[in-house]
């Protein structure tokens, strides 16, 4: 039996794109380190990832950021944007 394991990172990619669209062109290092800390907060979001197709056992895991960690990053970015636009 053949097996294939794949990760669907589309949710993560969309969220990262959204984060960078919120930021100004020159981002302080502390904000970049907060964003990079999300790499340790990736979770599996589907309960039944396995599908058998044509004799091949294909496993597709959907990945996302931990909601708590992502919300903390969004809060930090919003606070930075508020400070940045008012200064």
N, C-alpha and C. Protein backbone atom coordinates (compact mmCIF):
# COMPACT_ATOMS: atom_id res chain seq x y z
N UNK A 1 0.84 -1.18 0.00
CA UNK A 1 0.00 0.00 0.00
C UNK A 1 0.89 1.24 0.00
N UNK A 2 0.57 2.14 -0.89
CA UNK A 2 1.27 3.41 -0.94
C UNK A 2 0.61 4.41 0.00
N UNK A 3 1.41 5.26 0.59
CA UNK A 3 0.88 6.29 1.49
C UNK A 3 1.50 7.63 1.13
N UNK A 4 0.69 8.65 1.23
CA UNK A 4 1.13 10.01 0.97
C UNK A 4 0.64 10.90 2.11
N UNK A 5 1.55 11.68 2.67
CA UNK A 5 1.18 12.61 3.74
C UNK A 5 1.48 14.03 3.26
N UNK A 6 0.46 14.87 3.32
CA UNK A 6 0.60 16.25 2.86
C UNK A 6 0.04 17.20 3.91
N UNK A 7 0.54 18.43 3.88
CA UNK A 7 0.05 19.46 4.79
C UNK A 7 -0.56 20.60 3.97
N UNK A 8 -1.77 20.98 4.33
CA UNK A 8 -2.45 22.11 3.69
C UNK A 8 -2.15 23.35 4.53
N UNK A 9 -1.32 24.22 4.00
CA UNK A 9 -0.91 25.42 4.74
C UNK A 9 -1.64 26.68 4.27
N UNK A 10 -2.70 26.51 3.50
CA UNK A 10 -3.38 27.68 2.93
C UNK A 10 -3.91 28.64 3.99
N UNK A 11 -4.42 28.12 5.10
CA UNK A 11 -4.93 29.01 6.17
C UNK A 11 -3.79 29.85 6.75
N UNK A 12 -2.66 29.20 6.97
CA UNK A 12 -1.50 29.91 7.53
C UNK A 12 -1.02 30.98 6.55
N UNK A 13 -0.93 30.61 5.28
CA UNK A 13 -0.46 31.56 4.26
C UNK A 13 -1.37 32.78 4.19
N UNK A 14 -2.68 32.57 4.24
CA UNK A 14 -3.63 33.69 4.19
C UNK A 14 -3.46 34.60 5.41
N UNK A 15 -3.27 34.00 6.57
CA UNK A 15 -3.13 34.81 7.79
C UNK A 15 -1.83 35.60 7.79
N UNK A 16 -0.74 34.99 7.35
CA UNK A 16 0.53 35.70 7.29
C UNK A 16 0.43 36.86 6.30
N UNK A 17 -0.17 36.62 5.15
CA UNK A 17 -0.37 37.69 4.16
C UNK A 17 -1.17 38.83 4.78
N UNK A 18 -2.23 38.50 5.51
CA UNK A 18 -3.03 39.52 6.16
C UNK A 18 -2.26 40.31 7.20
N UNK A 19 -1.39 39.63 7.95
CA UNK A 19 -0.57 40.31 8.95
C UNK A 19 0.34 41.34 8.30
N UNK A 20 1.03 40.92 7.24
CA UNK A 20 1.97 41.83 6.60
C UNK A 20 1.27 42.97 5.86
N UNK A 21 0.04 42.76 5.43
CA UNK A 21 -0.71 43.85 4.80
C UNK A 21 -1.09 44.93 5.81
N UNK A 22 -1.21 44.54 7.08
CA UNK A 22 -1.56 45.50 8.13
C UNK A 22 -0.38 46.37 8.56
N UNK A 23 0.83 45.91 8.29
CA UNK A 23 2.02 46.59 8.79
C UNK A 23 2.54 47.64 7.82
N UNK A 24 3.18 48.68 8.35
CA UNK A 24 3.82 49.66 7.47
C UNK A 24 5.05 49.03 6.81
N UNK A 25 5.65 49.78 5.90
CA UNK A 25 6.79 49.26 5.13
C UNK A 25 7.97 48.88 6.02
N UNK A 26 8.31 49.69 6.98
CA UNK A 26 9.45 49.41 7.85
C UNK A 26 8.93 48.92 9.19
N UNK A 27 9.10 47.64 9.44
CA UNK A 27 8.56 47.00 10.63
C UNK A 27 9.66 46.86 11.67
N UNK A 28 9.41 47.27 12.91
CA UNK A 28 10.41 47.09 13.97
C UNK A 28 10.71 45.61 14.22
N UNK A 29 11.93 45.35 14.64
CA UNK A 29 12.36 43.97 14.87
C UNK A 29 11.50 43.25 15.89
N UNK A 30 11.03 43.95 16.92
CA UNK A 30 10.24 43.26 17.95
C UNK A 30 8.92 42.74 17.38
N UNK A 31 8.34 43.45 16.40
CA UNK A 31 7.11 42.94 15.78
C UNK A 31 7.40 41.73 14.90
N UNK A 32 8.53 41.75 14.20
CA UNK A 32 8.89 40.59 13.38
C UNK A 32 9.14 39.37 14.25
N UNK A 33 9.73 39.56 15.43
CA UNK A 33 9.95 38.41 16.32
C UNK A 33 8.64 37.89 16.88
N UNK A 34 7.68 38.78 17.11
CA UNK A 34 6.36 38.33 17.57
C UNK A 34 5.69 37.50 16.48
N UNK A 35 5.78 37.96 15.23
CA UNK A 35 5.19 37.22 14.12
C UNK A 35 5.89 35.88 13.94
N UNK A 36 7.21 35.86 14.03
CA UNK A 36 7.94 34.60 13.84
C UNK A 36 7.67 33.62 14.97
N UNK A 37 7.24 34.11 16.13
CA UNK A 37 6.91 33.20 17.23
C UNK A 37 5.71 32.32 16.90
N UNK A 38 4.92 32.71 15.91
CA UNK A 38 3.77 31.90 15.50
C UNK A 38 4.20 30.55 14.93
N UNK A 39 5.44 30.45 14.47
CA UNK A 39 5.89 29.17 13.89
C UNK A 39 5.86 28.05 14.92
N UNK A 40 5.94 28.38 16.19
CA UNK A 40 5.84 27.37 17.24
C UNK A 40 4.42 27.13 17.71
N UNK A 41 3.46 27.79 17.06
CA UNK A 41 2.05 27.71 17.48
C UNK A 41 1.16 27.15 16.37
N UNK A 42 1.69 26.22 15.59
CA UNK A 42 0.93 25.62 14.49
C UNK A 42 0.21 24.37 15.01
N UNK A 43 -1.07 24.27 14.67
CA UNK A 43 -1.88 23.15 15.13
C UNK A 43 -2.57 22.46 13.94
N UNK A 44 -2.98 21.22 14.16
CA UNK A 44 -3.79 20.50 13.18
C UNK A 44 -5.24 20.88 13.42
N UNK A 45 -5.99 21.17 12.36
CA UNK A 45 -7.35 21.64 12.56
C UNK A 45 -8.43 20.69 12.07
N UNK A 46 -8.06 19.56 11.52
CA UNK A 46 -9.09 18.62 11.10
C UNK A 46 -8.95 17.31 11.85
N UNK A 47 -10.07 16.69 12.18
CA UNK A 47 -10.06 15.47 12.97
C UNK A 47 -9.88 14.21 12.14
N UNK A 48 -10.32 14.21 10.91
CA UNK A 48 -10.24 13.01 10.08
C UNK A 48 -9.48 13.31 8.80
N UNK A 49 -8.15 13.28 8.84
CA UNK A 49 -7.37 13.71 7.69
C UNK A 49 -7.19 12.65 6.60
N UNK A 50 -7.53 11.40 6.86
CA UNK A 50 -7.17 10.33 5.92
C UNK A 50 -8.25 10.09 4.88
N UNK A 51 -7.79 9.86 3.65
CA UNK A 51 -8.68 9.52 2.55
C UNK A 51 -7.97 8.46 1.71
N UNK A 52 -8.69 7.42 1.32
CA UNK A 52 -8.11 6.40 0.45
C UNK A 52 -8.68 6.61 -0.95
N UNK A 53 -7.78 6.81 -1.92
CA UNK A 53 -8.22 7.02 -3.29
C UNK A 53 -7.42 6.13 -4.22
N UNK A 54 -8.09 5.31 -4.98
CA UNK A 54 -7.43 4.48 -5.99
C UNK A 54 -6.33 3.60 -5.45
N UNK A 55 -6.50 3.05 -4.27
CA UNK A 55 -5.49 2.18 -3.69
C UNK A 55 -4.37 2.90 -2.96
N UNK A 56 -4.38 4.22 -2.99
CA UNK A 56 -3.37 5.00 -2.29
C UNK A 56 -3.98 5.60 -1.04
N UNK A 57 -3.24 5.53 0.04
CA UNK A 57 -3.69 6.08 1.31
C UNK A 57 -3.15 7.50 1.39
N UNK A 58 -3.99 8.48 1.08
CA UNK A 58 -3.59 9.88 1.10
C UNK A 58 -4.03 10.53 2.41
N UNK A 59 -3.08 11.15 3.08
CA UNK A 59 -3.38 11.84 4.34
C UNK A 59 -3.11 13.33 4.12
N UNK A 60 -4.12 14.13 4.34
CA UNK A 60 -3.99 15.57 4.19
C UNK A 60 -4.35 16.23 5.51
N UNK A 61 -3.38 16.90 6.11
CA UNK A 61 -3.60 17.61 7.36
C UNK A 61 -3.73 19.10 7.07
N UNK A 62 -4.79 19.71 7.57
CA UNK A 62 -4.94 21.16 7.48
C UNK A 62 -4.26 21.77 8.70
N UNK A 63 -3.40 22.74 8.46
CA UNK A 63 -2.66 23.40 9.52
C UNK A 63 -3.16 24.83 9.71
N UNK A 64 -3.07 25.31 10.94
CA UNK A 64 -3.47 26.67 11.25
C UNK A 64 -2.67 27.11 12.48
N UNK A 65 -2.74 28.39 12.79
CA UNK A 65 -2.12 28.88 14.02
C UNK A 65 -3.07 28.66 15.18
N UNK A 66 -2.52 28.48 16.35
CA UNK A 66 -3.33 28.45 17.57
C UNK A 66 -4.12 29.76 17.62
N UNK A 67 -5.44 29.69 17.82
CA UNK A 67 -6.24 30.93 17.85
C UNK A 67 -5.76 31.92 18.91
N UNK A 68 -5.37 31.43 20.06
CA UNK A 68 -4.90 32.32 21.13
C UNK A 68 -3.63 33.04 20.72
N UNK A 69 -2.67 32.31 20.19
CA UNK A 69 -1.40 32.92 19.78
C UNK A 69 -1.62 33.91 18.64
N UNK A 70 -2.45 33.56 17.69
CA UNK A 70 -2.72 34.45 16.56
C UNK A 70 -3.40 35.74 17.03
N UNK A 71 -4.34 35.62 17.94
CA UNK A 71 -5.02 36.81 18.47
C UNK A 71 -4.05 37.72 19.22
N UNK A 72 -3.09 37.13 19.93
CA UNK A 72 -2.09 37.93 20.63
C UNK A 72 -1.24 38.72 19.64
N UNK A 73 -0.86 38.09 18.54
CA UNK A 73 -0.08 38.77 17.51
C UNK A 73 -0.90 39.89 16.88
N UNK A 74 -2.16 39.61 16.58
CA UNK A 74 -3.03 40.64 15.99
C UNK A 74 -3.20 41.82 16.94
N UNK A 75 -3.33 41.56 18.22
CA UNK A 75 -3.45 42.63 19.21
C UNK A 75 -2.20 43.49 19.23
N UNK A 76 -1.03 42.85 19.19
CA UNK A 76 0.24 43.59 19.18
C UNK A 76 0.36 44.46 17.93
N UNK A 77 -0.04 43.93 16.79
CA UNK A 77 0.05 44.69 15.55
C UNK A 77 -0.93 45.87 15.57
N UNK A 78 -2.13 45.63 16.05
CA UNK A 78 -3.11 46.74 16.13
C UNK A 78 -2.61 47.84 17.07
N UNK A 79 -2.02 47.44 18.19
CA UNK A 79 -1.49 48.43 19.14
C UNK A 79 -0.35 49.22 18.48
N UNK A 80 0.50 48.53 17.74
CA UNK A 80 1.60 49.21 17.05
C UNK A 80 1.05 50.18 16.01
N UNK A 81 0.05 49.76 15.24
CA UNK A 81 -0.52 50.64 14.22
C UNK A 81 -1.13 51.88 14.85
N UNK A 82 -1.79 51.71 16.00
CA UNK A 82 -2.38 52.85 16.69
C UNK A 82 -1.29 53.82 17.13
N UNK A 83 -0.22 53.30 17.74
CA UNK A 83 0.90 54.15 18.17
C UNK A 83 1.57 54.81 16.97
N UNK A 84 1.74 54.05 15.89
CA UNK A 84 2.43 54.54 14.70
C UNK A 84 1.65 55.67 14.04
N UNK A 85 0.33 55.52 13.94
CA UNK A 85 -0.47 56.54 13.26
C UNK A 85 -0.69 57.78 14.11
N UNK A 86 -0.57 57.65 15.42
CA UNK A 86 -0.78 58.80 16.30
C UNK A 86 0.51 59.51 16.68
N UNK A 87 1.63 59.00 16.21
CA UNK A 87 2.89 59.68 16.56
C UNK A 87 3.48 60.42 15.40
